[in-house]
Amino acid sequence: MTFEEAVSLVDRIKDQVVGVPVKGRFIESLFIGPANWDEMHVFMNICFQKGEDEAIDEFIGKSFSVYGRSVSYIKPDLPRWDVIVLDDWEKTIYN
């Protein structure tokens, strides 16, 4: 989906998804990133180094996905971040 479509999806589902268990994990936040998982590390590095707007600009024209982020703790001070693709959330919930 385009970046604009991903933003629209986030706006539509955020109140239904954040704070709710999805596939056994509580979704704490949503974020938009590249649909191609192999490009995620490049996208995240640009976000950290130059900011999210710059990363989005560099990926415009590519496909984006909406991800739900959850955190669990391996140890009290060692978080483990998990992400779940939510692109089909509306189809899943309404069918």
PDB file of N, CA and C in Angstrom:
ATOM      1  N   MET A   1       0.839  -1.170   0.000  1.00  0.00           N
ATOM      2  CA  MET A   1       0.000   0.000   0.000  1.00  0.00           C
ATOM      3  C   MET A   1       0.887   1.238   0.000  1.00  0.00           C
ATOM      4  N   THR A   2       0.337   2.334  -0.430  1.00  0.00           N
ATOM      5  CA  THR A   2       1.098   3.582  -0.421  1.00  0.00           C
ATOM      6  C   THR A   2       1.224   4.086   1.011  1.00  0.00           C
ATOM      7  N   PHE A   3       2.092   5.068   1.204  1.00  0.00           N
ATOM      8  CA  PHE A   3       2.245   5.642   2.536  1.00  0.00           C
ATOM      9  C   PHE A   3       0.934   6.277   2.997  1.00  0.00           C
ATOM     10  N   GLU A   4       0.255   6.977   2.091  1.00  0.00           N
ATOM     11  CA  GLU A   4      -1.010   7.628   2.438  1.00  0.00           C
ATOM     12  C   GLU A   4      -2.068   6.599   2.836  1.00  0.00           C
ATOM     13  N   GLU A   5      -2.105   5.469   2.134  1.00  0.00           N
ATOM     14  CA  GLU A   5      -3.042   4.400   2.494  1.00  0.00           C
ATOM     15  C   GLU A   5      -2.699   3.821   3.864  1.00  0.00           C
ATOM     16  N   ALA A   6      -1.423   3.698   4.164  1.00  0.00           N
ATOM     17  CA  ALA A   6      -0.999   3.190   5.470  1.00  0.00           C
ATOM     18  C   ALA A   6      -1.403   4.149   6.586  1.00  0.00           C
ATOM     19  N   VAL A   7      -1.243   5.447   6.356  1.00  0.00           N
ATOM     20  CA  VAL A   7      -1.662   6.448   7.349  1.00  0.00           C
ATOM     21  C   VAL A   7      -3.167   6.344   7.582  1.00  0.00           C
ATOM     22  N   SER A   8      -3.922   6.196   6.513  1.00  0.00           N
ATOM     23  CA  SER A   8      -5.371   6.063   6.618  1.00  0.00           C
ATOM     24  C   SER A   8      -5.751   4.809   7.411  1.00  0.00           C
ATOM     25  N   LEU A   9      -5.062   3.706   7.165  1.00  0.00           N
ATOM     26  CA  LEU A   9      -5.334   2.471   7.904  1.00  0.00           C
ATOM     27  C   LEU A   9      -5.032   2.649   9.386  1.00  0.00           C
ATOM     28  N   VAL A  10      -3.922   3.273   9.711  1.00  0.00           N
ATOM     29  CA  VAL A  10      -3.586   3.534  11.121  1.00  0.00           C
ATOM     30  C   VAL A  10      -4.697   4.342  11.777  1.00  0.00           C
ATOM     31  N   ASP A  11      -5.163   5.387  11.108  1.00  0.00           N
ATOM     32  CA  ASP A  11      -6.230   6.222  11.663  1.00  0.00           C
ATOM     33  C   ASP A  11      -7.507   5.422  11.915  1.00  0.00           C
ATOM     34  N   ARG A  12      -7.808   4.481  11.027  1.00  0.00           N
ATOM     35  CA  ARG A  12      -9.038   3.697  11.160  1.00  0.00           C
ATOM     36  C   ARG A  12      -8.954   2.632  12.247  1.00  0.00           C
ATOM     37  N   ILE A  13      -7.785   2.031  12.444  1.00  0.00           N
ATOM     38  CA  ILE A  13      -7.716   0.869  13.350  1.00  0.00           C
ATOM     39  C   ILE A  13      -7.076   1.138  14.703  1.00  0.00           C
ATOM     40  N   LYS A  14      -6.443   2.293  14.896  1.00  0.00           N
ATOM     41  CA  LYS A  14      -5.665   2.500  16.127  1.00  0.00           C
ATOM     42  C   LYS A  14      -6.494   2.318  17.393  1.00  0.00           C
ATOM     43  N   ASP A  15      -7.739   2.794  17.404  1.00  0.00           N
ATOM     44  CA  ASP A  15      -8.557   2.668  18.609  1.00  0.00           C
ATOM     45  C   ASP A  15      -9.018   1.233  18.847  1.00  0.00           C
ATOM     46  N   GLN A  16      -9.042   0.418  17.794  1.00  0.00           N
ATOM     47  CA  GLN A  16      -9.466  -0.976  17.919  1.00  0.00           C
ATOM     48  C   GLN A  16      -8.313  -1.897  18.307  1.00  0.00           C
ATOM     49  N   VAL A  17      -7.084  -1.500  17.999  1.00  0.00           N
ATOM     50  CA  VAL A  17      -5.944  -2.412  18.103  1.00  0.00           C
ATOM     51  C   VAL A  17      -5.042  -2.121  19.298  1.00  0.00           C
ATOM     52  N   VAL A  18      -4.732  -0.866  19.553  1.00  0.00           N
ATOM     53  CA  VAL A  18      -3.790  -0.524  20.625  1.00  0.00           C
ATOM     54  C   VAL A  18      -4.396  -0.912  21.974  1.00  0.00           C
ATOM     55  N   GLY A  19      -3.638  -1.684  22.743  1.00  0.00           N
ATOM     56  CA  GLY A  19      -4.079  -2.152  24.051  1.00  0.00           C
ATOM     57  C   GLY A  19      -4.820  -3.475  24.011  1.00  0.00           C
ATOM     58  N   VAL A  20      -4.940  -4.049  22.828  1.00  0.00           N
ATOM     59  CA  VAL A  20      -5.687  -5.289  22.640  1.00  0.00           C
ATOM     60  C   VAL A  20      -4.713  -6.421  22.313  1.00  0.00           C
ATOM     61  N   PRO A  21      -4.973  -7.626  22.831  1.00  0.00           N
ATOM     62  CA  PRO A  21      -4.102  -8.739  22.445  1.00  0.00           C
ATOM     63  C   PRO A  21      -4.383  -9.185  21.008  1.00  0.00           C
ATOM     64  N   VAL A  22      -3.333  -9.274  20.225  1.00  0.00           N
ATOM     65  CA  VAL A  22      -3.415  -9.768  18.853  1.00  0.00           C
ATOM     66  C   VAL A  22      -2.380 -10.882  18.744  1.00  0.00           C
ATOM     67  N   LYS A  23      -2.839 -12.066  18.399  1.00  0.00           N
ATOM     68  CA  LYS A  23      -1.957 -13.233  18.310  1.00  0.00           C
ATOM     69  C   LYS A  23      -1.165 -13.426  19.605  1.00  0.00           C
ATOM     70  N   GLY A  24      -1.834 -13.201  20.739  1.00  0.00           N
ATOM     71  CA  GLY A  24      -1.209 -13.442  22.031  1.00  0.00           C
ATOM     72  C   GLY A  24      -0.304 -12.342  22.548  1.00  0.00           C
ATOM     73  N   ARG A  25      -0.244 -11.211  21.849  1.00  0.00           N
ATOM     74  CA  ARG A  25       0.619 -10.101  22.281  1.00  0.00           C
ATOM     75  C   ARG A  25      -0.207  -8.821  22.371  1.00  0.00           C
ATOM     76  N   PHE A  26      -0.008  -8.053  23.445  1.00  0.00           N
ATOM     77  CA  PHE A  26      -0.698  -6.779  23.575  1.00  0.00           C
ATOM     78  C   PHE A  26      -0.007  -5.743  22.698  1.00  0.00           C
ATOM     79  N   ILE A  27      -0.762  -5.137  21.813  1.00  0.00           N
ATOM     80  CA  ILE A  27      -0.223  -4.120  20.917  1.00  0.00           C
ATOM     81  C   ILE A  27      -0.119  -2.812  21.691  1.00  0.00           C
ATOM     82  N   GLU A  28       1.093  -2.284  21.785  1.00  0.00           N
ATOM     83  CA  GLU A  28       1.329  -1.047  22.521  1.00  0.00           C
ATOM     84  C   GLU A  28       1.311   0.175  21.624  1.00  0.00           C
ATOM     85  N   SER A  29       1.681   0.000  20.371  1.00  0.00           N
ATOM     86  CA  SER A  29       1.682   1.131  19.439  1.00  0.00           C
ATOM     87  C   SER A  29       1.688   0.600  18.014  1.00  0.00           C
ATOM     88  N   LEU A  30       1.417   1.499  17.091  1.00  0.00           N
ATOM     89  CA  LEU A  30       1.431   1.173  15.669  1.00  0.00           C
ATOM     90  C   LEU A  30       2.526   1.973  14.992  1.00  0.00           C
ATOM     91  N   PHE A  31       3.085   1.423  13.946  1.00  0.00           N
ATOM     92  CA  PHE A  31       4.015   2.194  13.136  1.00  0.00           C
ATOM     93  C   PHE A  31       3.929   1.742  11.694  1.00  0.00           C
ATOM     94  N   ILE A  32       4.385   2.607  10.820  1.00  0.00           N
ATOM     95  CA  ILE A  32       4.382   2.354   9.385  1.00  0.00           C
ATOM     96  C   ILE A  32       5.823   2.138   8.953  1.00  0.00           C
ATOM     97  N   GLY A  33       6.030   1.094   8.177  1.00  0.00           N
ATOM     98  CA  GLY A  33       7.364   0.792   7.672  1.00  0.00           C
ATOM     99  C   GLY A  33       7.259   0.113   6.325  1.00  0.00           C
ATOM    100  N   PRO A  34       8.384  -0.194   5.726  1.00  0.00           N
ATOM    101  CA  PRO A  34       8.363  -0.835   4.411  1.00  0.00           C
ATOM    102  C   PRO A  34       7.718  -2.220   4.481  1.00  0.00           C
ATOM    103  N   ALA A  35       6.976  -2.564   3.440  1.00  0.00           N
ATOM    104  CA  ALA A  35       6.358  -3.887   3.370  1.00  0.00           C
ATOM    105  C   ALA A  35       7.416  -4.965   3.173  1.00  0.00           C
ATOM    106  N   ASN A  36       8.500  -4.622   2.517  1.00  0.00           N
ATOM    107  CA  ASN A  36       9.601  -5.560   2.297  1.00  0.00           C
ATOM    108  C   ASN A  36      10.433  -5.617   3.577  1.00  0.00           C
ATOM    109  N   TRP A  37      10.312  -6.717   4.299  1.00  0.00           N
ATOM    110  CA  TRP A  37      10.981  -6.840   5.596  1.00  0.00           C
ATOM    111  C   TRP A  37      12.492  -6.714   5.477  1.00  0.00           C
ATOM    112  N   ASP A  38      13.054  -7.117   4.333  1.00  0.00           N
ATOM    113  CA  ASP A  38      14.501  -7.017   4.135  1.00  0.00           C
ATOM    114  C   ASP A  38      14.978  -5.562   4.109  1.00  0.00           C
ATOM    115  N   GLU A  39      14.069  -4.626   3.848  1.00  0.00           N
ATOM    116  CA  GLU A  39      14.427  -3.205   3.823  1.00  0.00           C
ATOM    117  C   GLU A  39      14.183  -2.510   5.162  1.00  0.00           C
ATOM    118  N   MET A  40      13.605  -3.228   6.123  1.00  0.00           N
ATOM    119  CA  MET A  40      13.245  -2.599   7.399  1.00  0.00           C
ATOM    120  C   MET A  40      14.465  -2.041   8.119  1.00  0.00           C
ATOM    121  N   HIS A  41      15.590  -2.766   8.124  1.00  0.00           N
ATOM    122  CA  HIS A  41      16.767  -2.266   8.843  1.00  0.00           C
ATOM    123  C   HIS A  41      17.286  -0.978   8.211  1.00  0.00           C
ATOM    124  N   VAL A  42      17.205  -0.855   6.903  1.00  0.00           N
ATOM    125  CA  VAL A  42      17.630   0.381   6.231  1.00  0.00           C
ATOM    126  C   VAL A  42      16.703   1.524   6.645  1.00  0.00           C
ATOM    127  N   PHE A  43      15.408   1.264   6.607  1.00  0.00           N
ATOM    128  CA  PHE A  43      14.411   2.264   6.990  1.00  0.00           C
ATOM    129  C   PHE A  43      14.625   2.726   8.435  1.00  0.00           C
ATOM    130  N   MET A  44      14.814   1.764   9.350  1.00  0.00           N
ATOM    131  CA  MET A  44      14.995   2.107  10.764  1.00  0.00           C
ATOM    132  C   MET A  44      16.293   2.881  10.989  1.00  0.00           C
ATOM    133  N   ASN A  45      17.361   2.517  10.302  1.00  0.00           N
ATOM    134  CA  ASN A  45      18.615   3.261  10.436  1.00  0.00           C
ATOM    135  C   ASN A  45      18.454   4.699   9.972  1.00  0.00           C
ATOM    136  N   ILE A  46      17.748   4.908   8.874  1.00  0.00           N
ATOM    137  CA  ILE A  46      17.511   6.278   8.405  1.00  0.00           C
ATOM    138  C   ILE A  46      16.675   7.032   9.432  1.00  0.00           C
ATOM    139  N   CYS A  47      15.661   6.366   9.992  1.00  0.00           N
ATOM    140  CA  CYS A  47      14.840   7.006  11.034  1.00  0.00           C
ATOM    141  C   CYS A  47      15.703   7.466  12.205  1.00  0.00           C
ATOM    142  N   PHE A  48      16.593   6.604  12.669  1.00  0.00           N
ATOM    143  CA  PHE A  48      17.438   6.940  13.817  1.00  0.00           C
ATOM    144  C   PHE A  48      18.446   8.033  13.492  1.00  0.00           C
ATOM    145  N   GLN A  49      19.000   8.002  12.285  1.00  0.00           N
ATOM    146  CA  GLN A  49      20.064   8.936  11.924  1.00  0.00           C
ATOM    147  C   GLN A  49      19.549  10.276  11.404  1.00  0.00           C
ATOM    148  N   LYS A  50      18.479  10.238  10.612  1.00  0.00           N
ATOM    149  CA  LYS A  50      18.025  11.461   9.941  1.00  0.00           C
ATOM    150  C   LYS A  50      16.598  11.860  10.288  1.00  0.00           C
ATOM    151  N   GLY A  51      15.853  10.967  10.916  1.00  0.00           N
ATOM    152  CA  GLY A  51      14.473  11.257  11.271  1.00  0.00           C
ATOM    153  C   GLY A  51      13.488  10.500  10.398  1.00  0.00           C
ATOM    154  N   GLU A  52      12.291  10.349  10.936  1.00  0.00           N
ATOM    155  CA  GLU A  52      11.263   9.571  10.247  1.00  0.00           C
ATOM    156  C   GLU A  52      10.848  10.194   8.919  1.00  0.00           C
ATOM    157  N   ASP A  53      10.740  11.510   8.869  1.00  0.00           N
ATOM    158  CA  ASP A  53      10.340  12.169   7.618  1.00  0.00           C
ATOM    159  C   ASP A  53      11.321  11.878   6.492  1.00  0.00           C
ATOM    160  N   GLU A  54      12.608  11.899   6.798  1.00  0.00           N
ATOM    161  CA  GLU A  54      13.630  11.607   5.790  1.00  0.00           C
ATOM    162  C   GLU A  54      13.526  10.156   5.319  1.00  0.00           C
ATOM    163  N   ALA A  55      13.278   9.237   6.247  1.00  0.00           N
ATOM    164  CA  ALA A  55      13.138   7.823   5.878  1.00  0.00           C
ATOM    165  C   ALA A  55      11.936   7.625   4.964  1.00  0.00           C
ATOM    166  N   ILE A  56      10.837   8.262   5.302  1.00  0.00           N
ATOM    167  CA  ILE A  56       9.637   8.158   4.467  1.00  0.00           C
ATOM    168  C   ILE A  56       9.913   8.719   3.082  1.00  0.00           C
ATOM    169  N   ASP A  57      10.572   9.866   3.024  1.00  0.00           N
ATOM    170  CA  ASP A  57      10.909  10.465   1.722  1.00  0.00           C
ATOM    171  C   ASP A  57      11.744   9.517   0.867  1.00  0.00           C
ATOM    172  N   GLU A  58      12.685   8.819   1.489  1.00  0.00           N
ATOM    173  CA  GLU A  58      13.553   7.905   0.736  1.00  0.00           C
ATOM    174  C   GLU A  58      12.816   6.650   0.272  1.00  0.00           C
ATOM    175  N   PHE A  59      11.710   6.316   0.936  1.00  0.00           N
ATOM    176  CA  PHE A  59      10.970   5.105   0.583  1.00  0.00           C
ATOM    177  C   PHE A  59       9.674   5.384  -0.178  1.00  0.00           C
ATOM    178  N   ILE A  60       9.356   6.654  -0.413  1.00  0.00           N
ATOM    179  CA  ILE A  60       8.152   6.977  -1.188  1.00  0.00           C
ATOM    180  C   ILE A  60       8.254   6.291  -2.542  1.00  0.00           C
ATOM    181  N   GLY A  61       7.148   5.711  -2.964  1.00  0.00           N
ATOM    182  CA  GLY A  61       7.133   4.960  -4.214  1.00  0.00           C
ATOM    183  C   GLY A  61       7.251   3.466  -3.978  1.00  0.00           C
ATOM    184  N   LYS A  62       7.644   3.086  -2.763  1.00  0.00           N
ATOM    185  CA  LYS A  62       7.709   1.669  -2.404  1.00  0.00           C
ATOM    186  C   LYS A  62       6.465   1.321  -1.595  1.00  0.00           C
ATOM    187  N   SER A  63       6.274   0.057  -1.364  1.00  0.00           N
ATOM    188  CA  SER A  63       5.108  -0.411  -0.633  1.00  0.00           C
ATOM    189  C   SER A  63       5.350  -0.337   0.880  1.00  0.00           C
ATOM    190  N   PHE A  64       4.330   0.128   1.604  1.00  0.00           N
ATOM    191  CA  PHE A  64       4.387   0.245   3.059  1.00  0.00           C
ATOM    192  C   PHE A  64       3.413  -0.729   3.702  1.00  0.00           C
ATOM    193  N   SER A  65       3.658  -1.051   4.960  1.00  0.00           N
ATOM    194  CA  SER A  65       2.770  -1.871   5.774  1.00  0.00           C
ATOM    195  C   SER A  65       2.559  -1.191   7.116  1.00  0.00           C
ATOM    196  N   VAL A  66       1.485  -1.589   7.789  1.00  0.00           N
ATOM    197  CA  VAL A  66       1.200  -1.121   9.141  1.00  0.00           C
ATOM    198  C   VAL A  66       1.555  -2.260  10.094  1.00  0.00           C
ATOM    199  N   TYR A  67       2.329  -1.927  11.102  1.00  0.00           N
ATOM    200  CA  TYR A  67       2.793  -2.916  12.073  1.00  0.00           C
ATOM    201  C   TYR A  67       2.299  -2.551  13.471  1.00  0.00           C
ATOM    202  N   GLY A  68       1.943  -3.565  14.240  1.00  0.00           N
ATOM    203  CA  GLY A  68       1.662  -3.394  15.653  1.00  0.00           C
ATOM    204  C   GLY A  68       2.904  -3.790  16.426  1.00  0.00           C
ATOM    205  N   ARG A  69       3.244  -2.989  17.419  1.00  0.00           N
ATOM    206  CA  ARG A  69       4.457  -3.232  18.207  1.00  0.00           C
ATOM    207  C   ARG A  69       4.051  -3.663  19.617  1.00  0.00           C
ATOM    208  N   SER A  70       4.683  -4.737  20.089  1.00  0.00           N
ATOM    209  CA  SER A  70       4.475  -5.172  21.468  1.00  0.00           C
ATOM    210  C   SER A  70       5.841  -5.406  22.103  1.00  0.00           C
ATOM    211  N   VAL A  71       5.861  -5.361  23.407  1.00  0.00           N
ATOM    212  CA  VAL A  71       7.124  -5.579  24.112  1.00  0.00           C
ATOM    213  C   VAL A  71       6.894  -6.597  25.224  1.00  0.00           C
ATOM    214  N   SER A  72       7.826  -7.501  25.340  1.00  0.00           N
ATOM    215  CA  SER A  72       7.873  -8.412  26.474  1.00  0.00           C
ATOM    216  C   SER A  72       9.295  -8.312  27.018  1.00  0.00           C
ATOM    217  N   TYR A  73       9.485  -8.790  28.215  1.00  0.00           N
ATOM    218  CA  TYR A  73      10.803  -8.641  28.834  1.00  0.00           C
ATOM    219  C   TYR A  73      11.452  -9.995  29.052  1.00  0.00           C
ATOM    220  N   ILE A  74      12.629 -10.147  28.465  1.00  0.00           N
ATOM    221  CA  ILE A  74      13.428 -11.351  28.652  1.00  0.00           C
ATOM    222  C   ILE A  74      13.976 -11.352  30.074  1.00  0.00           C
ATOM    223  N   LYS A  75      14.439 -10.196  30.511  1.00  0.00           N
ATOM    224  CA  LYS A  75      14.867  -9.911  31.877  1.00  0.00           C
ATOM    225  C   LYS A  75      14.257  -8.555  32.212  1.00  0.00           C
ATOM    226  N   PRO A  76      14.209  -8.172  33.483  1.00  0.00           N
ATOM    227  CA  PRO A  76      13.585  -6.893  33.826  1.00  0.00           C
ATOM    228  C   PRO A  76      14.135  -5.689  33.055  1.00  0.00           C
ATOM    229  N   ASP A  77      15.395  -5.724  32.683  1.00  0.00           N
ATOM    230  CA  ASP A  77      15.985  -4.590  31.972  1.00  0.00           C
ATOM    231  C   ASP A  77      16.329  -4.917  30.514  1.00  0.00           C
ATOM    232  N   LEU A  78      15.792  -6.033  30.006  1.00  0.00           N
ATOM    233  CA  LEU A  78      16.098  -6.447  28.636  1.00  0.00           C
ATOM    234  C   LEU A  78      14.797  -6.695  27.866  1.00  0.00           C
ATOM    235  N   PRO A  79      14.331  -5.665  27.128  1.00  0.00           N
ATOM    236  CA  PRO A  79      13.072  -5.831  26.394  1.00  0.00           C
ATOM    237  C   PRO A  79      13.253  -6.621  25.107  1.00  0.00           C
ATOM    238  N   ARG A  80      12.190  -7.256  24.713  1.00  0.00           N
ATOM    239  CA  ARG A  80      12.126  -7.913  23.407  1.00  0.00           C
ATOM    240  C   ARG A  80      10.947  -7.291  22.670  1.00  0.00           C
ATOM    241  N   TRP A  81      11.242  -6.670  21.539  1.00  0.00           N
ATOM    242  CA  TRP A  81      10.208  -6.029  20.738  1.00  0.00           C
ATOM    243  C   TRP A  81       9.728  -6.995  19.666  1.00  0.00           C
ATOM    244  N   ASP A  82       8.431  -7.136  19.557  1.00  0.00           N
ATOM    245  CA  ASP A  82       7.823  -7.965  18.522  1.00  0.00           C
ATOM    246  C   ASP A  82       6.925  -7.083  17.670  1.00  0.00           C
ATOM    247  N   VAL A  83       6.828  -7.425  16.406  1.00  0.00           N
ATOM    248  CA  VAL A  83       5.936  -6.686  15.512  1.00  0.00           C
ATOM    249  C   VAL A  83       5.016  -7.664  14.798  1.00  0.00           C
ATOM    250  N   ILE A  84       3.815  -7.198  14.529  1.00  0.00           N
ATOM    251  CA  ILE A  84       2.804  -7.984  13.835  1.00  0.00           C
ATOM    252  C   ILE A  84       2.283  -7.139  12.681  1.00  0.00           C
ATOM    253  N   VAL A  85       2.238  -7.713  11.502  1.00  0.00           N
ATOM    254  CA  VAL A  85       1.706  -7.006  10.336  1.00  0.00           C
ATOM    255  C   VAL A  85       0.193  -6.918  10.487  1.00  0.00           C
ATOM    256  N   LEU A  86      -0.341  -5.704  10.349  1.00  0.00           N
ATOM    257  CA  LEU A  86      -1.776  -5.474  10.527  1.00  0.00           C
ATOM    258  C   LEU A  86      -2.466  -5.002   9.246  1.00  0.00           C
ATOM    259  N   ASP A  87      -1.851  -5.223   8.105  1.00  0.00           N
ATOM    260  CA  ASP A  87      -2.420  -4.755   6.842  1.00  0.00           C
ATOM    261  C   ASP A  87      -3.822  -5.307   6.589  1.00  0.00           C
ATOM    262  N   ASP A  88      -4.087  -6.539   7.008  1.00  0.00           N
ATOM    263  CA  ASP A  88      -5.386  -7.172   6.762  1.00  0.00           C
ATOM    264  C   ASP A  88      -6.292  -7.153   7.992  1.00  0.00           C
ATOM    265  N   TRP A  89      -6.013  -6.280   8.944  1.00  0.00           N
ATOM    266  CA  TRP A  89      -6.770  -6.250  10.195  1.00  0.00           C
ATOM    267  C   TRP A  89      -8.264  -6.101   9.953  1.00  0.00           C
ATOM    268  N   GLU A  90      -8.654  -5.173   9.101  1.00  0.00           N
ATOM    269  CA  GLU A  90     -10.081  -4.933   8.876  1.00  0.00           C
ATOM    270  C   GLU A  90     -10.756  -6.148   8.243  1.00  0.00           C
ATOM    271  N   LYS A  91     -10.099  -6.810   7.316  1.00  0.00           N
ATOM    272  CA  LYS A  91     -10.666  -8.026   6.720  1.00  0.00           C
ATOM    273  C   LYS A  91     -10.814  -9.110   7.779  1.00  0.00           C
ATOM    274  N   THR A  92      -9.817  -9.239   8.628  1.00  0.00           N
ATOM    275  CA  THR A  92      -9.825 -10.275   9.660  1.00  0.00           C
ATOM    276  C   THR A  92     -10.931 -10.032  10.673  1.00  0.00           C
ATOM    277  N   ILE A  93     -11.065  -8.815  11.143  1.00  0.00           N
ATOM    278  CA  ILE A  93     -12.000  -8.510  12.223  1.00  0.00           C
ATOM    279  C   ILE A  93     -13.452  -8.468  11.750  1.00  0.00           C
ATOM    280  N   TYR A  94     -13.681  -8.062  10.508  1.00  0.00           N
ATOM    281  CA  TYR A  94     -15.051  -7.895  10.024  1.00  0.00           C
ATOM    282  C   TYR A  94     -15.591  -9.108   9.287  1.00  0.00           C
ATOM    283  N   ASN A  95     -14.789 -10.148   9.097  1.00  0.00           N
ATOM    284  CA  ASN A  95     -15.283 -11.364   8.417  1.00  0.00           C
ATOM    285  C   ASN A  95     -15.485 -12.494   9.385  1.00  0.00           C
TER     286      ASN A  95
END
